[in-house]
Amino acid sequence: MNINGHNFRIICNITTERDLNGKIVRHQPQGRYKNRRKIALNQYGDGNFCKFRIPANINRCGVYVIAVGADRKYVGECENLSSRFNTGYGQISPRNCFVMGQETNCRINKLIFFEADKGGEVNLWFLATDDYQRIEKQLRAQLNWPWNKI
């Protein structure tokens, strides 16, 4: 996929964990957090989440794009793609559901969950580059990314 002169390569279809009937397994990690200080849930911390993994051997920095079908939804940057997805978006830790947790992880996981639940094909594209911060900022400014927050 070429985006403004940058050639992204397909990494995988993001496949959510499913039960024997083919339904997405719903996870609610927020219930496992020992919330002794009575911290409130963040705005995306309630309800269901999904689990998924991408290949574990993409330990490169770069810019990634999440697309549903041909529609580009989200652009982000990372220092390690596999870690960003497998321990960030793909498996929500209980603490991340609460204020001061990783709200973006919760939001992106929920968006992937909703698309996959509707039968959408969610794909991950990647551009390996050491200039990832500049390129991600440039792409965010030049294009509309419905899942990115302004």
Protein backbone atom coordinates (compact mmCIF):
# COMPACT_ATOMS: atom_id res chain seq x y z
CA MET A 1 0.00 0.00 0.00
CA ASN A 2 1.45 3.33 -1.03
CA ILE A 3 0.50 6.24 1.20
CA ASN A 4 1.84 9.64 0.15
CA GLY A 5 4.98 8.10 -1.34
CA HIS A 6 5.64 5.65 1.50
CA ASN A 7 5.41 1.94 0.68
CA PHE A 8 3.77 0.01 3.50
CA ARG A 9 3.82 -3.78 3.48
CA ILE A 10 1.06 -6.02 4.75
CA ILE A 11 1.91 -7.72 8.02
CA CYS A 12 -1.25 -9.72 8.69
CA ASN A 13 -4.97 -9.87 9.05
CA ILE A 14 -5.70 -9.13 12.69
CA THR A 15 -7.59 -12.22 13.83
CA THR A 16 -9.36 -12.04 17.17
CA GLU A 17 -9.56 -14.98 19.56
CA ARG A 18 -12.76 -16.95 18.83
CA ASP A 19 -14.76 -19.62 20.64
CA LEU A 20 -15.81 -22.95 19.11
CA ASN A 21 -18.89 -21.31 17.55
CA GLY A 22 -16.76 -18.68 15.80
CA LYS A 23 -17.81 -15.83 18.10
CA ILE A 24 -15.24 -13.38 19.44
CA VAL A 25 -14.21 -14.28 22.98
CA ARG A 26 -15.13 -11.29 25.12
CA HIS A 27 -12.67 -10.26 27.82
CA GLN A 28 -13.32 -7.86 30.68
CA PRO A 29 -9.90 -7.32 32.28
CA GLN A 30 -11.07 -4.32 34.30
CA GLY A 31 -12.72 -6.72 36.76
CA ARG A 32 -9.34 -8.28 37.60
CA TYR A 33 -7.81 -4.99 38.82
CA LYS A 34 -7.52 -4.61 42.59
CA ASN A 35 -8.78 -1.06 42.64
CA ARG A 36 -7.94 -0.23 46.26
CA ARG A 37 -7.72 3.52 45.54
CA LYS A 38 -11.15 3.52 43.82
CA ILE A 39 -9.78 4.91 40.54
CA ALA A 40 -12.46 5.56 37.91
CA LEU A 41 -12.54 3.72 34.59
CA ASN A 42 -11.27 5.73 31.64
CA GLN A 43 -13.76 6.55 28.90
CA TYR A 44 -12.90 3.35 26.98
CA GLY A 45 -12.25 1.09 29.97
CA ASP A 46 -15.68 -0.45 30.44
CA GLY A 47 -17.23 -3.37 28.59
CA ASN A 48 -15.76 -6.00 26.32
CA PHE A 49 -12.32 -6.31 24.79
CA CYS A 50 -10.83 -8.86 22.41
CA LYS A 51 -7.48 -10.63 22.27
CA PHE A 52 -5.28 -10.99 19.22
CA ARG A 53 -1.63 -11.40 18.27
CA ILE A 54 0.52 -10.48 15.32
CA PRO A 55 3.77 -12.26 14.36
CA ALA A 56 6.23 -11.95 17.26
CA ASN A 57 9.35 -11.42 15.15
CA ILE A 58 8.81 -7.85 13.89
CA ASN A 59 11.07 -6.06 16.34
CA ARG A 60 11.48 -2.99 14.15
CA CYS A 61 10.59 0.64 14.64
CA GLY A 62 8.34 2.30 12.10
CA VAL A 63 4.89 3.50 11.15
CA TYR A 64 1.86 1.22 11.08
CA VAL A 65 -1.59 1.53 9.57
CA ILE A 66 -4.71 -0.33 10.65
CA ALA A 67 -7.18 -0.73 7.80
CA VAL A 68 -10.62 -2.27 7.56
CA GLY A 69 -10.89 -3.64 4.06
CA ALA A 70 -9.50 -0.86 1.87
CA ASP A 71 -10.34 1.89 4.38
CA ARG A 72 -7.37 3.24 6.32
CA LYS A 73 -8.50 3.86 9.87
CA TYR A 74 -5.50 4.51 12.11
CA VAL A 75 -1.87 5.51 11.77
CA GLY A 76 0.64 5.15 14.59
CA GLU A 77 4.33 4.87 15.26
CA CYS A 78 6.31 2.44 17.38
CA GLU A 79 9.76 1.38 18.45
CA ASN A 80 8.85 -2.31 18.22
CA LEU A 81 5.83 -3.38 16.16
CA SER A 82 5.32 -6.84 17.70
CA SER A 83 5.52 -5.48 21.23
CA ARG A 84 3.19 -2.57 20.43
CA PHE A 85 0.48 -4.92 19.25
CA ASN A 86 1.01 -8.09 21.29
CA THR A 87 1.43 -6.47 24.70
CA GLY A 88 -0.40 -3.23 23.94
CA TYR A 89 -3.44 -3.35 21.70
CA GLY A 90 -3.88 -7.11 21.53
CA GLN A 91 -4.10 -7.90 25.22
CA ILE A 92 -5.55 -5.25 27.47
CA SER A 93 -4.12 -5.27 30.97
CA PRO A 94 -6.57 -4.58 33.80
CA ARG A 95 -4.82 -1.36 34.92
CA ASN A 96 -5.10 0.16 31.43
CA CYS A 97 -8.88 0.34 31.76
CA PHE A 98 -8.64 2.96 34.49
CA VAL A 99 -7.77 6.65 34.55
CA MET A 100 -4.01 7.07 34.04
CA GLY A 101 -3.86 3.70 32.24
CA GLN A 102 -3.20 3.26 28.51
CA GLU A 103 -6.46 4.69 27.19
CA THR A 104 -5.30 4.40 23.56
CA ASN A 105 -4.78 0.65 23.95
CA CYS A 106 -8.37 0.30 25.17
CA ARG A 107 -9.79 2.49 22.41
CA ILE A 108 -7.98 0.75 19.54
CA ASN A 109 -8.78 -2.71 20.92
CA LYS A 110 -12.48 -1.82 21.13
CA LEU A 111 -12.48 -0.45 17.57
CA ILE A 112 -10.85 -3.65 16.27
CA PHE A 113 -13.34 -5.69 18.35
CA PHE A 114 -16.36 -3.86 16.86
CA GLU A 115 -15.09 -4.19 13.27
CA ALA A 116 -14.21 -7.88 13.66
CA ASP A 117 -17.56 -8.54 15.34
CA LYS A 118 -19.33 -7.02 12.31
CA GLY A 119 -17.32 -9.30 10.03
CA GLY A 120 -14.85 -6.66 8.86
CA GLU A 121 -11.39 -7.67 7.71
CA VAL A 122 -8.92 -5.76 9.86
CA ASN A 123 -5.43 -5.59 8.39
CA LEU A 124 -2.10 -4.33 9.68
CA TRP A 125 0.34 -2.55 7.35
CA PHE A 126 3.86 -1.46 8.27
CA LEU A 127 6.64 0.82 7.08
CA ALA A 128 9.95 0.01 8.79
CA THR A 129 11.85 3.27 9.24
CA ASP A 130 14.05 5.04 11.76
CA ASP A 131 12.25 8.28 10.83
CA TYR A 132 8.96 6.97 12.21
CA GLN A 133 8.03 9.96 14.37
CA ARG A 134 8.31 12.48 11.55
CA ILE A 135 6.53 10.29 9.00
CA GLU A 136 3.65 9.45 11.35
CA LYS A 137 3.20 13.13 12.21
CA GLN A 138 3.26 14.04 8.51
CA LEU A 139 0.68 11.39 7.57
CA ARG A 140 -1.61 12.40 10.43
CA ALA A 141 -1.51 16.01 9.26
CA GLN A 142 -2.05 15.22 5.56
CA LEU A 143 -4.80 12.58 5.67
CA ASN A 144 -8.01 11.81 7.50
CA TRP A 145 -7.64 8.96 10.01
CA PRO A 146 -11.03 8.31 11.64
CA TRP A 147 -9.62 6.30 14.56
CA ASN A 148 -6.91 8.83 15.44
CA LYS A 149 -7.75 11.46 18.01
CA ILE A 150 -6.81 15.02 17.13
